[in-house]
Amino acid sequence: MGDSKDTKIRIENASIIGPVWVIGWLFTIGFLQLPFFKGFLAIVLWPYYLGVYFSSL
């Protein structure tokens, strides 16, 4: 308790956007009641094509 050393506290703010996006994505797939194969494609392919599209803007 008597030490006079400077203690640095590092605070990192984790982004909440990623998990919210994933929850919304899964909710949308469930809300649309997609069959298994279309739901699988929605999880795997749609994010890729969205990324390609938005990276070219």
PDB file of N, CA and C in Angstrom:
ATOM      1  N   MET A   1       0.816  -1.199   0.000  1.00  0.00           N
ATOM      2  CA  MET A   1       0.000   0.000   0.000  1.00  0.00           C
ATOM      3  C   MET A   1       0.850   1.249   0.000  1.00  0.00           C
ATOM      4  N   GLY A   2       2.060   1.143   0.496  1.00  0.00           N
ATOM      5  CA  GLY A   2       2.898   2.305   0.586  1.00  0.00           C
ATOM      6  C   GLY A   2       3.728   2.545  -0.662  1.00  0.00           C
ATOM      7  N   ASP A   3       3.600   1.649  -1.677  1.00  0.00           N
ATOM      8  CA  ASP A   3       4.392   1.824  -2.898  1.00  0.00           C
ATOM      9  C   ASP A   3       3.900   3.035  -3.682  1.00  0.00           C
ATOM     10  N   SER A   4       4.841   3.780  -4.216  1.00  0.00           N
ATOM     11  CA  SER A   4       4.464   4.954  -5.006  1.00  0.00           C
ATOM     12  C   SER A   4       4.691   4.709  -6.500  1.00  0.00           C
ATOM     13  N   LYS A   5       4.629   3.456  -6.917  1.00  0.00           N
ATOM     14  CA  LYS A   5       4.807   3.125  -8.333  1.00  0.00           C
ATOM     15  C   LYS A   5       3.580   3.569  -9.120  1.00  0.00           C
ATOM     16  N   ASP A   6       3.841   4.082 -10.307  1.00  0.00           N
ATOM     17  CA  ASP A   6       2.733   4.452 -11.181  1.00  0.00           C
ATOM     18  C   ASP A   6       2.186   3.196 -11.842  1.00  0.00           C
ATOM     19  N   THR A   7       0.927   2.974 -11.676  1.00  0.00           N
ATOM     20  CA  THR A   7       0.271   1.834 -12.283  1.00  0.00           C
ATOM     21  C   THR A   7      -0.565   2.326 -13.448  1.00  0.00           C
ATOM     22  N   LYS A   8      -0.269   1.793 -14.620  1.00  0.00           N
ATOM     23  CA  LYS A   8      -1.043   2.169 -15.804  1.00  0.00           C
ATOM     24  C   LYS A   8      -2.134   1.138 -16.020  1.00  0.00           C
ATOM     25  N   ILE A   9      -3.316   1.624 -16.206  1.00  0.00           N
ATOM     26  CA  ILE A   9      -4.453   0.769 -16.474  1.00  0.00           C
ATOM     27  C   ILE A   9      -4.845   0.970 -17.932  1.00  0.00           C
ATOM     28  N   ARG A  10      -4.911  -0.121 -18.655  1.00  0.00           N
ATOM     29  CA  ARG A  10      -5.261  -0.053 -20.067  1.00  0.00           C
ATOM     30  C   ARG A  10      -6.690  -0.553 -20.234  1.00  0.00           C
ATOM     31  N   ILE A  11      -7.532   0.281 -20.809  1.00  0.00           N
ATOM     32  CA  ILE A  11      -8.928  -0.066 -21.014  1.00  0.00           C
ATOM     33  C   ILE A  11      -9.169  -0.201 -22.508  1.00  0.00           C
ATOM     34  N   GLU A  12      -9.695  -1.337 -22.905  1.00  0.00           N
ATOM     35  CA  GLU A  12     -10.009  -1.568 -24.307  1.00  0.00           C
ATOM     36  C   GLU A  12     -11.515  -1.698 -24.449  1.00  0.00           C
ATOM     37  N   ASN A  13     -12.058  -0.993 -25.409  1.00  0.00           N
ATOM     38  CA  ASN A  13     -13.482  -1.081 -25.682  1.00  0.00           C
ATOM     39  C   ASN A  13     -13.701  -2.086 -26.806  1.00  0.00           C
ATOM     40  N   ALA A  14     -14.336  -3.173 -26.484  1.00  0.00           N
ATOM     41  CA  ALA A  14     -14.632  -4.178 -27.495  1.00  0.00           C
ATOM     42  C   ALA A  14     -15.856  -3.732 -28.291  1.00  0.00           C
ATOM     43  N   SER A  15     -15.798  -3.980 -29.556  1.00  0.00           N
ATOM     44  CA  SER A  15     -16.902  -3.583 -30.419  1.00  0.00           C
ATOM     45  C   SER A  15     -18.070  -4.541 -30.241  1.00  0.00           C
ATOM     46  N   ILE A  16     -19.250  -3.992 -30.200  1.00  0.00           N
ATOM     47  CA  ILE A  16     -20.452  -4.811 -30.070  1.00  0.00           C
ATOM     48  C   ILE A  16     -21.156  -4.973 -31.413  1.00  0.00           C
ATOM     49  N   ILE A  17     -20.665  -4.303 -32.438  1.00  0.00           N
ATOM     50  CA  ILE A  17     -21.326  -4.339 -33.737  1.00  0.00           C
ATOM     51  C   ILE A  17     -21.296  -5.743 -34.341  1.00  0.00           C
ATOM     52  N   GLY A  18     -20.183  -6.448 -34.244  1.00  0.00           N
ATOM     53  CA  GLY A  18     -20.063  -7.791 -34.824  1.00  0.00           C
ATOM     54  C   GLY A  18     -21.079  -8.771 -34.270  1.00  0.00           C
ATOM     55  N   PRO A  19     -21.136  -8.942 -32.950  1.00  0.00           N
ATOM     56  CA  PRO A  19     -22.127  -9.871 -32.393  1.00  0.00           C
ATOM     57  C   PRO A  19     -23.576  -9.462 -32.688  1.00  0.00           C
ATOM     58  N   VAL A  20     -23.858  -8.176 -32.690  1.00  0.00           N
ATOM     59  CA  VAL A  20     -25.217  -7.716 -33.008  1.00  0.00           C
ATOM     60  C   VAL A  20     -25.551  -8.066 -34.455  1.00  0.00           C
ATOM     61  N   TRP A  21     -24.575  -7.908 -35.360  1.00  0.00           N
ATOM     62  CA  TRP A  21     -24.791  -8.238 -36.766  1.00  0.00           C
ATOM     63  C   TRP A  21     -25.075  -9.731 -36.927  1.00  0.00           C
ATOM     64  N   VAL A  22     -24.315 -10.579 -36.240  1.00  0.00           N
ATOM     65  CA  VAL A  22     -24.510 -12.031 -36.340  1.00  0.00           C
ATOM     66  C   VAL A  22     -25.874 -12.425 -35.784  1.00  0.00           C
ATOM     67  N   ILE A  23     -26.261 -11.849 -34.663  1.00  0.00           N
ATOM     68  CA  ILE A  23     -27.579 -12.150 -34.087  1.00  0.00           C
ATOM     69  C   ILE A  23     -28.687 -11.732 -35.050  1.00  0.00           C
ATOM     70  N   GLY A  24     -28.549 -10.560 -35.635  1.00  0.00           N
ATOM     71  CA  GLY A  24     -29.542 -10.099 -36.609  1.00  0.00           C
ATOM     72  C   GLY A  24     -29.584 -10.984 -37.837  1.00  0.00           C
ATOM     73  N   TRP A  25     -28.423 -11.438 -38.284  1.00  0.00           N
ATOM     74  CA  TRP A  25     -28.348 -12.309 -39.456  1.00  0.00           C
ATOM     75  C   TRP A  25     -29.066 -13.624 -39.177  1.00  0.00           C
ATOM     76  N   LEU A  26     -28.786 -14.237 -38.035  1.00  0.00           N
ATOM     77  CA  LEU A  26     -29.439 -15.496 -37.693  1.00  0.00           C
ATOM     78  C   LEU A  26     -30.929 -15.314 -37.457  1.00  0.00           C
ATOM     79  N   PHE A  27     -31.317 -14.180 -36.868  1.00  0.00           N
ATOM     80  CA  PHE A  27     -32.748 -13.917 -36.679  1.00  0.00           C
ATOM     81  C   PHE A  27     -33.450 -13.815 -38.025  1.00  0.00           C
ATOM     82  N   THR A  28     -32.820 -13.132 -38.978  1.00  0.00           N
ATOM     83  CA  THR A  28     -33.427 -12.971 -40.298  1.00  0.00           C
ATOM     84  C   THR A  28     -33.594 -14.317 -40.985  1.00  0.00           C
ATOM     85  N   ILE A  29     -32.592 -15.179 -40.885  1.00  0.00           N
ATOM     86  CA  ILE A  29     -32.692 -16.509 -41.494  1.00  0.00           C
ATOM     87  C   ILE A  29     -33.830 -17.295 -40.841  1.00  0.00           C
ATOM     88  N   GLY A  30     -33.956 -17.215 -39.532  1.00  0.00           N
ATOM     89  CA  GLY A  30     -35.045 -17.906 -38.846  1.00  0.00           C
ATOM     90  C   GLY A  30     -36.400 -17.304 -39.157  1.00  0.00           C
ATOM     91  N   PHE A  31     -36.468 -15.981 -39.253  1.00  0.00           N
ATOM     92  CA  PHE A  31     -37.731 -15.308 -39.534  1.00  0.00           C
ATOM     93  C   PHE A  31     -38.241 -15.652 -40.930  1.00  0.00           C
ATOM     94  N   LEU A  32     -37.332 -15.779 -41.885  1.00  0.00           N
ATOM     95  CA  LEU A  32     -37.718 -16.143 -43.245  1.00  0.00           C
ATOM     96  C   LEU A  32     -38.045 -17.622 -43.387  1.00  0.00           C
ATOM     97  N   GLN A  33     -37.765 -18.396 -42.353  1.00  0.00           N
ATOM     98  CA  GLN A  33     -38.016 -19.837 -42.327  1.00  0.00           C
ATOM     99  C   GLN A  33     -37.386 -20.534 -43.530  1.00  0.00           C
ATOM    100  N   LEU A  34     -36.098 -20.236 -43.749  1.00  0.00           N
ATOM    101  CA  LEU A  34     -35.382 -20.848 -44.862  1.00  0.00           C
ATOM    102  C   LEU A  34     -35.129 -22.315 -44.571  1.00  0.00           C
ATOM    103  N   PRO A  35     -35.208 -23.158 -45.607  1.00  0.00           N
ATOM    104  CA  PRO A  35     -34.817 -24.559 -45.419  1.00  0.00           C
ATOM    105  C   PRO A  35     -33.334 -24.656 -45.071  1.00  0.00           C
ATOM    106  N   PHE A  36     -32.903 -25.842 -44.642  1.00  0.00           N
ATOM    107  CA  PHE A  36     -31.538 -26.009 -44.151  1.00  0.00           C
ATOM    108  C   PHE A  36     -30.501 -25.578 -45.176  1.00  0.00           C
ATOM    109  N   PHE A  37     -30.621 -26.044 -46.416  1.00  0.00           N
ATOM    110  CA  PHE A  37     -29.596 -25.757 -47.418  1.00  0.00           C
ATOM    111  C   PHE A  37     -29.528 -24.264 -47.726  1.00  0.00           C
ATOM    112  N   LYS A  38     -30.677 -23.619 -47.862  1.00  0.00           N
ATOM    113  CA  LYS A  38     -30.676 -22.180 -48.135  1.00  0.00           C
ATOM    114  C   LYS A  38     -30.162 -21.401 -46.925  1.00  0.00           C
ATOM    115  N   GLY A  39     -30.471 -21.863 -45.733  1.00  0.00           N
ATOM    116  CA  GLY A  39     -29.936 -21.224 -44.535  1.00  0.00           C
ATOM    117  C   GLY A  39     -28.429 -21.372 -44.452  1.00  0.00           C
ATOM    118  N   PHE A  40     -27.920 -22.546 -44.819  1.00  0.00           N
ATOM    119  CA  PHE A  40     -26.481 -22.759 -44.843  1.00  0.00           C
ATOM    120  C   PHE A  40     -25.809 -21.835 -45.858  1.00  0.00           C
ATOM    121  N   LEU A  41     -26.399 -21.725 -47.036  1.00  0.00           N
ATOM    122  CA  LEU A  41     -25.844 -20.824 -48.048  1.00  0.00           C
ATOM    123  C   LEU A  41     -25.904 -19.375 -47.582  1.00  0.00           C
ATOM    124  N   ALA A  42     -26.962 -19.028 -46.875  1.00  0.00           N
ATOM    125  CA  ALA A  42     -27.089 -17.660 -46.366  1.00  0.00           C
ATOM    126  C   ALA A  42     -25.998 -17.343 -45.358  1.00  0.00           C
ATOM    127  N   ILE A  43     -25.620 -18.320 -44.559  1.00  0.00           N
ATOM    128  CA  ILE A  43     -24.578 -18.095 -43.553  1.00  0.00           C
ATOM    129  C   ILE A  43     -23.196 -18.054 -44.196  1.00  0.00           C
ATOM    130  N   VAL A  44     -22.978 -18.888 -45.222  1.00  0.00           N
ATOM    131  CA  VAL A  44     -21.644 -19.018 -45.803  1.00  0.00           C
ATOM    132  C   VAL A  44     -21.409 -18.061 -46.968  1.00  0.00           C
ATOM    133  N   LEU A  45     -22.333 -17.980 -47.910  1.00  0.00           N
ATOM    134  CA  LEU A  45     -22.077 -17.241 -49.146  1.00  0.00           C
ATOM    135  C   LEU A  45     -22.465 -15.768 -49.106  1.00  0.00           C
ATOM    136  N   TRP A  46     -23.594 -15.429 -48.528  1.00  0.00           N
ATOM    137  CA  TRP A  46     -24.049 -14.039 -48.560  1.00  0.00           C
ATOM    138  C   TRP A  46     -23.050 -13.071 -47.940  1.00  0.00           C
ATOM    139  N   PRO A  47     -22.459 -13.370 -46.784  1.00  0.00           N
ATOM    140  CA  PRO A  47     -21.471 -12.422 -46.243  1.00  0.00           C
ATOM    141  C   PRO A  47     -20.280 -12.221 -47.176  1.00  0.00           C
ATOM    142  N   TYR A  48     -19.866 -13.265 -47.870  1.00  0.00           N
ATOM    143  CA  TYR A  48     -18.749 -13.127 -48.808  1.00  0.00           C
ATOM    144  C   TYR A  48     -19.115 -12.166 -49.934  1.00  0.00           C
ATOM    145  N   TYR A  49     -20.273 -12.384 -50.552  1.00  0.00           N
ATOM    146  CA  TYR A  49     -20.674 -11.529 -51.661  1.00  0.00           C
ATOM    147  C   TYR A  49     -20.964 -10.101 -51.205  1.00  0.00           C
ATOM    148  N   LEU A  50     -21.502  -9.936 -50.026  1.00  0.00           N
ATOM    149  CA  LEU A  50     -21.685  -8.580 -49.498  1.00  0.00           C
ATOM    150  C   LEU A  50     -20.344  -7.889 -49.283  1.00  0.00           C
ATOM    151  N   GLY A  51     -19.366  -8.613 -48.769  1.00  0.00           N
ATOM    152  CA  GLY A  51     -18.042  -8.042 -48.566  1.00  0.00           C
ATOM    153  C   GLY A  51     -17.380  -7.646 -49.868  1.00  0.00           C
ATOM    154  N   VAL A  52     -17.513  -8.494 -50.885  1.00  0.00           N
ATOM    155  CA  VAL A  52     -16.941  -8.175 -52.193  1.00  0.00           C
ATOM    156  C   VAL A  52     -17.623  -6.938 -52.770  1.00  0.00           C
ATOM    157  N   TYR A  53     -18.929  -6.882 -52.652  1.00  0.00           N
ATOM    158  CA  TYR A  53     -19.673  -5.744 -53.203  1.00  0.00           C
ATOM    159  C   TYR A  53     -19.298  -4.437 -52.512  1.00  0.00           C
ATOM    160  N   PHE A  54     -19.330  -4.451 -51.186  1.00  0.00           N
ATOM    161  CA  PHE A  54     -19.073  -3.200 -50.451  1.00  0.00           C
ATOM    162  C   PHE A  54     -17.607  -2.792 -50.483  1.00  0.00           C
ATOM    163  N   SER A  55     -16.689  -3.723 -50.714  1.00  0.00           N
ATOM    164  CA  SER A  55     -15.288  -3.335 -50.810  1.00  0.00           C
ATOM    165  C   SER A  55     -14.986  -2.669 -52.146  1.00  0.00           C
ATOM    166  N   SER A  56     -15.849  -2.874 -53.136  1.00  0.00           N
ATOM    167  CA  SER A  56     -15.620  -2.253 -54.445  1.00  0.00           C
ATOM    168  C   SER A  56     -16.266  -0.882 -54.552  1.00  0.00           C
ATOM    169  N   LEU A  57     -16.996  -0.442 -53.552  1.00  0.00           N
ATOM    170  CA  LEU A  57     -17.635   0.885 -53.611  1.00  0.00           C
ATOM    171  C   LEU A  57     -16.657   1.991 -53.391  1.00  0.00           C
TER     172      LEU A  57
END
